[in-house]
Structures are given as C-alpha cells and as structure tokens.
Protein backbone atom coordinates (compact mmCIF):
# COMPACT_ATOMS: atom_id res chain seq x y z
CA MET A 1 -27.36 194.92 150.09
CA ASP A 2 -26.26 197.68 151.92
CA ALA A 3 -29.37 199.13 153.82
CA PHE A 4 -30.06 202.56 155.26
CA LEU A 5 -31.81 202.47 158.54
CA ASP A 6 -34.21 205.29 159.00
CA ALA A 7 -35.08 205.83 163.39
CA SER A 8 -38.14 204.28 163.05
CA VAL A 9 -36.11 200.91 162.48
CA LEU A 10 -33.78 201.38 165.01
CA PHE A 11 -36.79 202.15 167.39
CA SER A 12 -38.54 199.51 166.78
CA ALA A 13 -35.67 197.20 166.56
CA ALA A 14 -34.61 198.35 170.97
CA TYR A 15 -38.04 198.57 171.75
CA SER A 16 -39.00 194.92 170.57
CA LYS A 17 -37.01 191.32 170.64
CA SER A 18 -38.75 190.04 167.89
CA GLY A 19 -39.76 191.41 164.18
CA ALA A 20 -38.05 192.28 161.62
CA SER A 21 -36.17 195.62 162.25
CA ARG A 22 -34.59 193.52 165.19
CA GLU A 23 -33.44 190.88 162.59
CA ILE A 24 -31.87 193.36 160.39
CA ILE A 25 -30.03 194.26 162.91
CA ARG A 26 -29.02 190.76 164.19
CA LEU A 27 -27.91 190.13 160.39
CA GLY A 28 -25.56 193.73 160.70
CA ILE A 29 -23.77 192.63 163.99
CA GLN A 30 -22.90 188.81 162.08
CA GLY A 31 -21.48 190.87 158.96
CA GLU A 32 -24.04 190.00 156.45
CA ILE A 33 -25.07 193.18 156.07
CA GLN A 34 -23.71 196.57 155.88
CA LEU A 35 -25.84 199.02 157.77
CA VAL A 36 -25.99 202.72 157.43
CA ILE A 37 -27.33 205.75 159.89
CA SER A 38 -26.47 208.77 160.01
CA ASP A 39 -25.91 211.06 163.07
CA LEU A 40 -29.83 212.76 162.76
CA VAL A 41 -31.62 209.30 162.72
CA SER A 42 -29.68 208.17 165.60
CA ASN A 43 -30.39 211.16 167.58
CA GLU A 44 -34.26 210.88 166.63
CA ALA A 45 -34.36 207.55 167.32
CA LEU A 46 -33.00 208.01 170.91
CA LEU A 47 -35.51 211.26 171.27
CA ASN A 48 -38.90 209.29 170.35
CA LEU A 49 -37.73 206.46 172.91
CA LYS A 50 -36.93 208.63 175.69
CA LYS A 51 -40.65 209.91 175.26
CA LYS A 52 -42.25 206.71 174.35
CA ALA A 53 -40.22 203.77 175.92
CA PRO A 54 -37.55 205.22 178.19
CA GLU A 55 -37.38 202.10 179.56
CA VAL A 56 -35.51 200.71 176.35
CA VAL A 57 -32.74 203.60 175.94
CA PRO A 58 -30.16 201.17 177.21
CA ASN A 59 -31.34 198.28 174.72
CA LEU A 60 -30.87 201.36 171.60
CA LEU A 61 -27.65 202.61 173.13
CA THR A 62 -26.48 198.79 173.63
CA LEU A 63 -27.60 198.59 169.96
CA PHE A 64 -25.13 201.88 169.13
CA SER A 65 -21.91 199.81 171.21
CA VAL A 66 -22.24 196.60 169.31
CA VAL A 67 -23.18 197.07 165.79
CA PRO A 68 -21.06 198.09 163.19
CA PHE A 69 -22.91 201.40 161.36
CA ARG A 70 -21.26 203.01 158.92
CA MET A 71 -22.30 206.68 159.75
CA VAL A 72 -22.62 209.13 156.45
CA ARG A 73 -23.37 212.94 157.14
CA PRO A 74 -25.38 214.61 154.03
CA SER A 75 -24.40 217.92 152.93
CA LYS A 76 -27.05 220.83 152.79
CA LYS A 77 -26.78 220.27 148.75
CA GLU A 78 -27.71 216.99 149.18
CA VAL A 79 -30.52 217.53 151.68
CA LEU A 80 -31.68 220.97 149.70
CA THR A 81 -31.65 218.19 146.36
CA ALA A 82 -33.62 215.53 148.57
CA MET A 83 -36.38 218.24 149.66
CA GLU A 84 -37.69 218.71 145.95
CA TYR A 85 -39.23 215.28 145.79
CA THR A 86 -40.01 214.54 149.74
CA GLU A 87 -41.18 215.79 152.82
CA PHE A 88 -38.92 218.62 154.74
CA LYS A 89 -38.62 216.46 157.40
CA ASP A 90 -37.78 213.36 155.61
CA ALA A 91 -35.36 214.87 153.17
CA PRO A 92 -32.48 214.48 155.47
CA VAL A 93 -32.96 210.84 155.70
CA VAL A 94 -33.57 210.05 151.76
CA ALA A 95 -29.62 212.57 151.44
CA ALA A 96 -28.26 210.37 153.67
CA ALA A 97 -29.47 207.43 151.94
CA LEU A 98 -28.14 208.80 148.88
CA CYS A 99 -24.85 210.07 150.43
CA ALA A 100 -23.93 206.64 151.72
CA LYS A 101 -24.68 205.09 148.23
CA VAL A 102 -27.05 201.84 148.88
CA LYS A 103 -29.81 201.28 147.02
CA TYR A 104 -31.93 200.54 150.35
CA LEU A 105 -34.15 202.71 152.57
CA VAL A 106 -35.54 200.56 155.35
CA SER A 107 -38.13 202.22 157.25
CA LEU A 108 -41.79 201.96 158.65
CA ASP A 109 -42.27 205.25 157.19
CA GLN A 110 -45.62 204.62 155.19
CA ALA A 111 -47.03 208.06 155.70
CA HIS A 112 -43.67 209.84 153.94
CA LEU A 113 -41.35 207.28 153.14
CA VAL A 114 -42.81 203.69 151.82
CA GLY A 115 -44.84 203.99 149.04
CA VAL A 116 -44.73 207.27 148.47
CA SER A 117 -43.81 207.03 144.08
CA ALA A 118 -42.59 210.50 144.01
CA VAL A 119 -39.58 209.39 146.54
CA GLU A 120 -38.53 206.59 145.22
CA GLN A 121 -38.47 208.07 141.88
CA GLY A 122 -36.91 211.17 142.41
CA SER A 123 -34.03 209.24 144.82
CA GLY A 124 -33.71 206.07 143.17
CA LEU A 125 -33.73 203.93 146.02
CA SER A 126 -36.03 201.21 146.62
CA ILE A 127 -37.70 202.13 149.75
CA LEU A 128 -38.52 199.09 151.64
CA LEU A 129 -40.62 198.06 154.80
CA PRO A 130 -38.45 196.46 156.86
CA GLY A 131 -40.22 192.79 156.78
CA ASP A 132 -39.81 193.40 152.71
CA TYR A 133 -36.38 194.26 152.75
CA LEU A 134 -35.63 190.54 154.81
CA ASN A 135 -37.57 188.81 151.94
CA LEU A 136 -35.59 190.46 149.01
CA LEU A 137 -32.33 189.30 151.07
CA ARG A 138 -33.58 186.18 151.29
CA LYS A 139 -34.04 185.23 147.51
CA LYS A 140 -30.70 186.74 147.15
C-alpha cells in the first residue's frame, strides 16, 4: 500500500498535530507503509509553508529528517505524457507517482487531482484524500 504524497499532504502533516495527513506520516515512520515524494513536492511544501505558516517550517524539516521517504524524479517524457490528461502544474506530481510505480496518490487537491476522473483514468492511479487512504489501509 505504498503511496505518493503531494505537497498539500506534507504541508498539512507539518501544520497540524492531528489528522489523516499526520497519521500517514506516523505510519511511514513506523515502517508500516512506504511513502514516496519527489524533489518538486518537497520544495513546493517548503515554499508554501514559508509563505503561509513560517512558524511550522521546522516541523516539515523534521519530517524530512525522520521519515524514510523514497525519492523519485520523473523524466521530462513522463511529465509531458502526464500533461495530456492533467493540469500543467500537477503533471510533475502525477508523473512522479507513476515513476514511483505506486497505486495511490494521496492529495488534498480536490480541484485538480482528487475526484478528477480524467486524471485517474489517464494515469491509472487511485487518487485519494488522506482520510480515504487511511480508511483503505484499515480495511486491508
């Protein structure tokens, strides 16, 4: 049940001491699931926190140091392919999830990723909110 996390999930996990995003991180630290991110995702989360909640930037940096994230870097070709069925800004995220060969992309982006059938169909990924991913984990 490995999962690729987008920047919104990292932001949420660093910002809030509770909630589904933080629980996913806890499971990753415990080794119950493998969490995957990309450089772009980690940089985006960091930049967003610096702008919106600079006081919790240390929390994110701690996550980066203690969570055994697997890092992936999609190729330009993979990103271009993902652009065929997703928004330009989200194509590197979808491409990275595909590069990671995971089934699940966990995101809070309900405008461009979660519930967008064209992205799910084009990528073959299950794109879930953190709470929905946790519910799926609990069922297995």
